Protein backbone atom coordinates (compact mmCIF):
# COMPACT_ATOMS: atom_id res chain seq x y z
CA UNK A 1 7.58 7.99 0.96
CA UNK A 2 7.31 6.19 4.27
CA UNK A 3 7.21 2.58 5.39
CA UNK A 4 4.43 0.58 6.97
CA UNK A 5 6.95 -0.77 9.50
CA UNK A 6 9.82 1.12 11.13
CA UNK A 7 11.89 -2.05 10.68
CA UNK A 8 12.99 -2.29 7.05
CA UNK A 9 14.48 -5.29 5.33
CA UNK A 10 14.41 -6.87 1.90
CA UNK A 11 13.97 -10.19 3.74
CA UNK A 12 10.39 -10.77 4.98
CA UNK A 13 11.64 -13.44 7.41
CA UNK A 14 13.71 -10.76 9.19
CA UNK A 15 10.61 -8.56 9.45
CA UNK A 16 8.58 -11.45 10.88
CA UNK A 17 11.31 -12.21 13.44
CA UNK A 18 11.73 -8.59 14.63
CA UNK A 19 10.54 -7.98 18.21
CA UNK A 20 8.90 -4.62 17.45
CA UNK A 21 8.84 -4.07 13.68
CA UNK A 22 6.34 -1.19 13.93
CA UNK A 23 8.41 0.81 16.39
CA UNK A 24 7.23 3.43 18.90
CA UNK A 25 7.11 6.40 16.52
CA UNK A 26 6.04 4.93 13.19
CA UNK A 27 2.34 5.83 13.46
CA UNK A 28 3.18 9.47 14.14
CA UNK A 29 5.71 9.47 11.29
CA UNK A 30 3.04 8.19 8.89
CA UNK A 31 0.52 10.80 10.07
CA UNK A 32 3.01 13.68 9.70
CA UNK A 33 3.99 12.60 6.20
CA UNK A 34 0.32 12.29 5.21
CA UNK A 35 -0.45 15.79 6.50
CA UNK A 36 2.22 17.17 4.16
CA UNK A 37 0.86 15.24 1.17
CA UNK A 38 -2.00 15.95 -1.16
CA UNK A 39 -2.49 12.23 -1.87
CA UNK A 40 -1.62 9.16 0.23
CA UNK A 41 -0.93 5.99 -1.75
CA UNK A 42 -0.50 2.62 -0.06
CA UNK A 43 2.11 0.44 -1.75
CA UNK A 44 3.40 -1.97 0.88
CA UNK A 45 3.08 -5.22 -1.04
CA UNK A 46 2.11 -8.66 0.21
CA UNK A 47 3.45 -8.54 3.75
CA UNK A 48 1.42 -5.59 5.02
CA UNK A 49 -0.90 -7.92 6.87
CA UNK A 50 1.87 -8.88 9.33
CA UNK A 51 0.57 -8.04 12.83
CA UNK A 52 -2.60 -6.65 11.16
CA UNK A 53 -0.59 -3.56 10.27
CA UNK A 54 -2.57 -3.00 7.08
CA UNK A 55 -5.84 -2.83 9.03
CA UNK A 56 -4.37 -0.37 11.54
CA UNK A 57 -3.01 1.97 8.88
CA UNK A 58 -6.18 1.88 6.77
CA UNK A 59 -8.05 3.17 9.83
CA UNK A 60 -5.67 6.16 10.03
CA UNK A 61 -6.30 7.13 6.41
CA UNK A 62 -9.90 6.66 5.24
CA UNK A 63 -9.10 8.15 1.80
CA UNK A 64 -6.13 5.89 1.18
CA UNK A 65 -5.29 5.16 -2.46
CA UNK A 66 -3.51 2.31 -4.24
CA UNK A 67 -2.11 1.68 -7.72
CA UNK A 68 -3.04 -2.02 -7.99
CA UNK A 69 -4.10 -4.65 -5.47
CA UNK A 70 -2.28 -7.96 -5.27
CA UNK A 71 -4.06 -11.31 -5.34
CA UNK A 72 -4.07 -11.23 -1.53
CA UNK A 73 -5.79 -7.82 -1.55
CA UNK A 74 -2.75 -5.80 -0.50
CA UNK A 75 -1.63 -2.68 -2.41
CA UNK A 76 1.10 -3.63 -4.85
CA UNK A 77 4.66 -2.43 -4.36
CA UNK A 78 5.67 0.05 -7.12
CA UNK A 79 8.79 -1.96 -7.90
CA UNK A 80 6.53 -4.62 -9.39
CA UNK A 81 4.00 -2.38 -11.16
CA UNK A 82 3.96 -0.79 -14.61
CA UNK A 83 4.28 2.98 -14.75
CA UNK A 84 0.94 3.39 -16.51
CA UNK A 85 -1.27 3.09 -13.42
CA UNK A 86 -3.20 5.92 -11.79
CA UNK A 87 -4.08 6.01 -8.07
CA UNK A 88 -7.54 4.74 -7.08
CA UNK A 89 -9.42 5.30 -3.84
CA UNK A 90 -9.22 2.13 -1.76
CA UNK A 91 -12.78 1.37 -0.79
CA UNK A 92 -13.84 -1.28 1.72
CA UNK A 93 -16.28 -3.16 -0.45
CA UNK A 94 -16.07 -5.97 -3.02
CA UNK A 95 -15.85 -4.84 -6.61
CA UNK A 96 -14.33 -1.49 -5.70
CA UNK A 97 -10.94 -2.07 -7.32
CA UNK A 98 -10.40 -0.30 -10.62
CA UNK A 99 -7.27 0.26 -12.63
CA UNK A 100 -6.76 3.65 -14.25
CA UNK A 101 -4.22 3.92 -17.05
CA UNK A 102 -2.27 6.90 -18.23
CA UNK A 103 -3.11 8.10 -21.70
CA UNK A 104 -1.36 6.04 -24.38
CA UNK A 105 -0.57 3.13 -22.07
CA UNK A 106 -2.97 0.64 -23.62
CA UNK A 107 -0.21 -1.91 -24.30
CA UNK A 108 0.75 -2.44 -20.66
CA UNK A 109 -0.63 -5.63 -19.08
CA UNK A 110 -2.72 -4.77 -16.03
CA UNK A 111 -5.14 -6.51 -13.73
CA UNK A 112 -6.88 -5.31 -10.59
CA UNK A 113 -7.94 -7.51 -7.72
CA UNK A 114 -10.66 -6.69 -5.23
CA UNK A 115 -10.56 -7.24 -1.50
């Protein structure tokens, strides 16, 4: 697991106030972690659009996946998602969002949002 920003805080206002929240080495850190992974899942939540970071990172990983998109079109943070979701390829077109459930998870409330 890695972070979209090198600067980490549970307070978004601290992230927004940081002088260089991305940091000099974060892009390389993300790329190295992705090279070691068989599947890359975005899960940064609603503040990934700060400094257009979401757009930058999506360009690095054309086969990026997500578990569920938020209303704002960002990949949901796993802390706020049910455990019954399967990763989906994040495509750059309307109507591409789909939610895949684990077997036997029919009783979990789910909803997908498209970008």
